[in-house]
């Protein structure tokens, strides 16, 4: 990748969120070194999955993220964050429209390994 995504430009997250009508939206906002900053707008549930070689960081901008893990469910409210270590099975859910930032390496498969 010769030109990094989202560098030297203003990224207006509220405008992106307002324009989104999808129940499950995931887009890359910027590349920072070898990591990607992604914006997720979720309502509903994703499938169980894991990432063999990458940790995954979730930061809730608005709403509430339910993060199902093998040992139970973690609830993340606005301005809370959690990192799922590589190899750990997980599933994200949201009962209401939830906006989050995710940080992961650019090699990650967002749908899981």
C-alpha atoms as a PDB file:
ATOM      1  CA  UNK A   1       0.000   0.000   0.000  1.00  0.00           C
ATOM      2  CA  UNK A   2       1.861   3.078  -1.177  1.00  0.00           C
ATOM      3  CA  UNK A   3      -0.541   5.746   0.104  1.00  0.00           C
ATOM      4  CA  UNK A   4      -1.991   5.319   3.570  1.00  0.00           C
ATOM      5  CA  UNK A   5      -5.768   5.574   4.018  1.00  0.00           C
ATOM      6  CA  UNK A   6      -7.185   8.574   5.838  1.00  0.00           C
ATOM      7  CA  UNK A   7      -3.981  10.506   6.429  1.00  0.00           C
ATOM      8  CA  UNK A   8      -3.749  14.294   6.212  1.00  0.00           C
ATOM      9  CA  UNK A   9      -7.517  14.683   6.049  1.00  0.00           C
ATOM     10  CA  UNK A  10     -10.342  15.403   8.484  1.00  0.00           C
ATOM     11  CA  UNK A  11     -12.531  12.367   9.154  1.00  0.00           C
ATOM     12  CA  UNK A  12     -16.020  13.531  10.150  1.00  0.00           C
ATOM     13  CA  UNK A  13     -17.409  10.568  12.081  1.00  0.00           C
ATOM     14  CA  UNK A  14     -20.827  12.109  12.964  1.00  0.00           C
ATOM     15  CA  UNK A  15     -21.485  12.750   9.261  1.00  0.00           C
ATOM     16  CA  UNK A  16     -20.621   9.136   8.398  1.00  0.00           C
ATOM     17  CA  UNK A  17     -22.869   7.843  11.197  1.00  0.00           C
ATOM     18  CA  UNK A  18     -25.777  10.089  10.201  1.00  0.00           C
ATOM     19  CA  UNK A  19     -25.563   8.962   6.562  1.00  0.00           C
ATOM     20  CA  UNK A  20     -25.481   5.253   7.453  1.00  0.00           C
ATOM     21  CA  UNK A  21     -28.783   3.406   7.070  1.00  0.00           C
ATOM     22  CA  UNK A  22     -27.324  -0.109   7.281  1.00  0.00           C
ATOM     23  CA  UNK A  23     -27.724  -2.317  10.382  1.00  0.00           C
ATOM     24  CA  UNK A  24     -24.162  -3.601  10.079  1.00  0.00           C
ATOM     25  CA  UNK A  25     -21.509  -1.257   8.712  1.00  0.00           C
ATOM     26  CA  UNK A  26     -17.717  -1.552   8.993  1.00  0.00           C
ATOM     27  CA  UNK A  27     -15.293   0.745   7.182  1.00  0.00           C
ATOM     28  CA  UNK A  28     -11.647   1.678   7.465  1.00  0.00           C
ATOM     29  CA  UNK A  29     -11.138   5.296   8.532  1.00  0.00           C
ATOM     30  CA  UNK A  30      -7.360   5.433   8.604  1.00  0.00           C
ATOM     31  CA  UNK A  31      -4.161   3.448   8.521  1.00  0.00           C
ATOM     32  CA  UNK A  32      -1.738   4.186  11.362  1.00  0.00           C
ATOM     33  CA  UNK A  33       1.571   2.442  10.751  1.00  0.00           C
ATOM     34  CA  UNK A  34       0.632  -1.243  10.340  1.00  0.00           C
ATOM     35  CA  UNK A  35      -2.764  -0.882  12.036  1.00  0.00           C
ATOM     36  CA  UNK A  36      -6.175   0.147  10.789  1.00  0.00           C
ATOM     37  CA  UNK A  37      -8.697   2.299  12.603  1.00  0.00           C
ATOM     38  CA  UNK A  38     -12.162   1.124  11.643  1.00  0.00           C
ATOM     39  CA  UNK A  39     -15.601   2.551  12.281  1.00  0.00           C
ATOM     40  CA  UNK A  40     -18.360   0.083  13.087  1.00  0.00           C
ATOM     41  CA  UNK A  41     -22.056   0.929  13.201  1.00  0.00           C
ATOM     42  CA  UNK A  42     -23.945  -2.083  14.504  1.00  0.00           C
ATOM     43  CA  UNK A  43     -27.444  -3.139  15.416  1.00  0.00           C
ATOM     44  CA  UNK A  44     -28.069  -6.860  15.733  1.00  0.00           C
ATOM     45  CA  UNK A  45     -25.521  -9.623  16.099  1.00  0.00           C
ATOM     46  CA  UNK A  46     -22.443 -10.832  14.274  1.00  0.00           C
ATOM     47  CA  UNK A  47     -21.349 -14.471  14.030  1.00  0.00           C
ATOM     48  CA  UNK A  48     -18.920 -16.155  16.444  1.00  0.00           C
ATOM     49  CA  UNK A  49     -15.357 -15.859  15.159  1.00  0.00           C
ATOM     50  CA  UNK A  50     -11.732 -15.372  16.157  1.00  0.00           C
ATOM     51  CA  UNK A  51      -8.542 -13.927  14.728  1.00  0.00           C
ATOM     52  CA  UNK A  52      -5.594 -16.334  14.793  1.00  0.00           C
ATOM     53  CA  UNK A  53      -2.839 -13.712  14.709  1.00  0.00           C
ATOM     54  CA  UNK A  54      -4.369 -10.358  15.674  1.00  0.00           C
ATOM     55  CA  UNK A  55      -5.743  -8.707  18.803  1.00  0.00           C
ATOM     56  CA  UNK A  56      -8.879  -6.596  18.286  1.00  0.00           C
ATOM     57  CA  UNK A  57      -9.603  -3.350  20.178  1.00  0.00           C
ATOM     58  CA  UNK A  58     -13.168  -1.996  20.564  1.00  0.00           C
ATOM     59  CA  UNK A  59     -14.017   1.534  21.779  1.00  0.00           C
ATOM     60  CA  UNK A  60     -17.698   2.474  22.096  1.00  0.00           C
ATOM     61  CA  UNK A  61     -18.471   5.974  20.805  1.00  0.00           C
ATOM     62  CA  UNK A  62     -22.231   5.719  21.420  1.00  0.00           C
ATOM     63  CA  UNK A  63     -24.743   3.025  22.347  1.00  0.00           C
ATOM     64  CA  UNK A  64     -23.914  -0.249  24.099  1.00  0.00           C
ATOM     65  CA  UNK A  65     -21.801  -3.101  22.747  1.00  0.00           C
ATOM     66  CA  UNK A  66     -22.377  -6.629  23.992  1.00  0.00           C
ATOM     67  CA  UNK A  67     -19.230  -8.663  23.538  1.00  0.00           C
ATOM     68  CA  UNK A  68     -19.853 -12.395  23.910  1.00  0.00           C
ATOM     69  CA  UNK A  69     -16.814 -14.404  24.980  1.00  0.00           C
ATOM     70  CA  UNK A  70     -16.489 -18.094  25.932  1.00  0.00           C
ATOM     71  CA  UNK A  71     -16.736 -17.197  29.647  1.00  0.00           C
ATOM     72  CA  UNK A  72     -19.677 -14.787  29.398  1.00  0.00           C
ATOM     73  CA  UNK A  73     -20.758 -11.426  28.057  1.00  0.00           C
ATOM     74  CA  UNK A  74     -19.076  -8.069  28.596  1.00  0.00           C
ATOM     75  CA  UNK A  75     -21.211  -4.931  28.275  1.00  0.00           C
ATOM     76  CA  UNK A  76     -19.407  -1.849  27.030  1.00  0.00           C
ATOM     77  CA  UNK A  77     -21.117   1.505  27.411  1.00  0.00           C
ATOM     78  CA  UNK A  78     -20.180   4.787  25.732  1.00  0.00           C
ATOM     79  CA  UNK A  79     -16.514   5.696  26.300  1.00  0.00           C
ATOM     80  CA  UNK A  80     -15.565   2.175  27.413  1.00  0.00           C
ATOM     81  CA  UNK A  81     -13.134  -0.097  25.611  1.00  0.00           C
ATOM     82  CA  UNK A  82     -11.937  -3.699  25.562  1.00  0.00           C
ATOM     83  CA  UNK A  83      -9.252  -5.650  23.706  1.00  0.00           C
ATOM     84  CA  UNK A  84      -9.987  -9.225  22.607  1.00  0.00           C
ATOM     85  CA  UNK A  85      -6.685 -11.155  22.503  1.00  0.00           C
ATOM     86  CA  UNK A  86      -5.777 -13.067  19.364  1.00  0.00           C
ATOM     87  CA  UNK A  87      -7.241 -16.559  19.166  1.00  0.00           C
ATOM     88  CA  UNK A  88     -10.183 -15.828  21.500  1.00  0.00           C
ATOM     89  CA  UNK A  89     -13.601 -16.714  20.085  1.00  0.00           C
ATOM     90  CA  UNK A  90     -15.992 -13.757  20.294  1.00  0.00           C
ATOM     91  CA  UNK A  91     -19.199 -12.276  18.917  1.00  0.00           C
ATOM     92  CA  UNK A  92     -20.387  -8.662  18.920  1.00  0.00           C
ATOM     93  CA  UNK A  93     -24.032  -7.730  19.507  1.00  0.00           C
ATOM     94  CA  UNK A  94     -25.974  -4.503  19.903  1.00  0.00           C
ATOM     95  CA  UNK A  95     -29.644  -4.180  20.829  1.00  0.00           C
ATOM     96  CA  UNK A  96     -29.650  -0.563  19.625  1.00  0.00           C
ATOM     97  CA  UNK A  97     -27.615   1.385  17.092  1.00  0.00           C
ATOM     98  CA  UNK A  98     -24.060   1.346  18.456  1.00  0.00           C
ATOM     99  CA  UNK A  99     -21.078   3.210  17.058  1.00  0.00           C
ATOM    100  CA  UNK A 100     -17.571   2.007  17.807  1.00  0.00           C
ATOM    101  CA  UNK A 101     -13.982   2.405  16.778  1.00  0.00           C
ATOM    102  CA  UNK A 102     -11.868  -0.684  16.276  1.00  0.00           C
ATOM    103  CA  UNK A 103      -8.114  -0.923  15.988  1.00  0.00           C
ATOM    104  CA  UNK A 104      -6.520  -3.968  14.397  1.00  0.00           C
ATOM    105  CA  UNK A 105      -3.619  -4.814  12.148  1.00  0.00           C
ATOM    106  CA  UNK A 106      -4.143  -4.326   8.441  1.00  0.00           C
ATOM    107  CA  UNK A 107      -3.761  -8.091   7.926  1.00  0.00           C
ATOM    108  CA  UNK A 108      -6.909  -8.914   9.920  1.00  0.00           C
ATOM    109  CA  UNK A 109      -9.883 -10.507   8.223  1.00  0.00           C
ATOM    110  CA  UNK A 110     -12.814  -8.543   9.754  1.00  0.00           C
ATOM    111  CA  UNK A 111     -15.118 -11.567   9.345  1.00  0.00           C
ATOM    112  CA  UNK A 112     -12.750 -13.852  11.302  1.00  0.00           C
ATOM    113  CA  UNK A 113     -10.305 -16.649  10.501  1.00  0.00           C
END
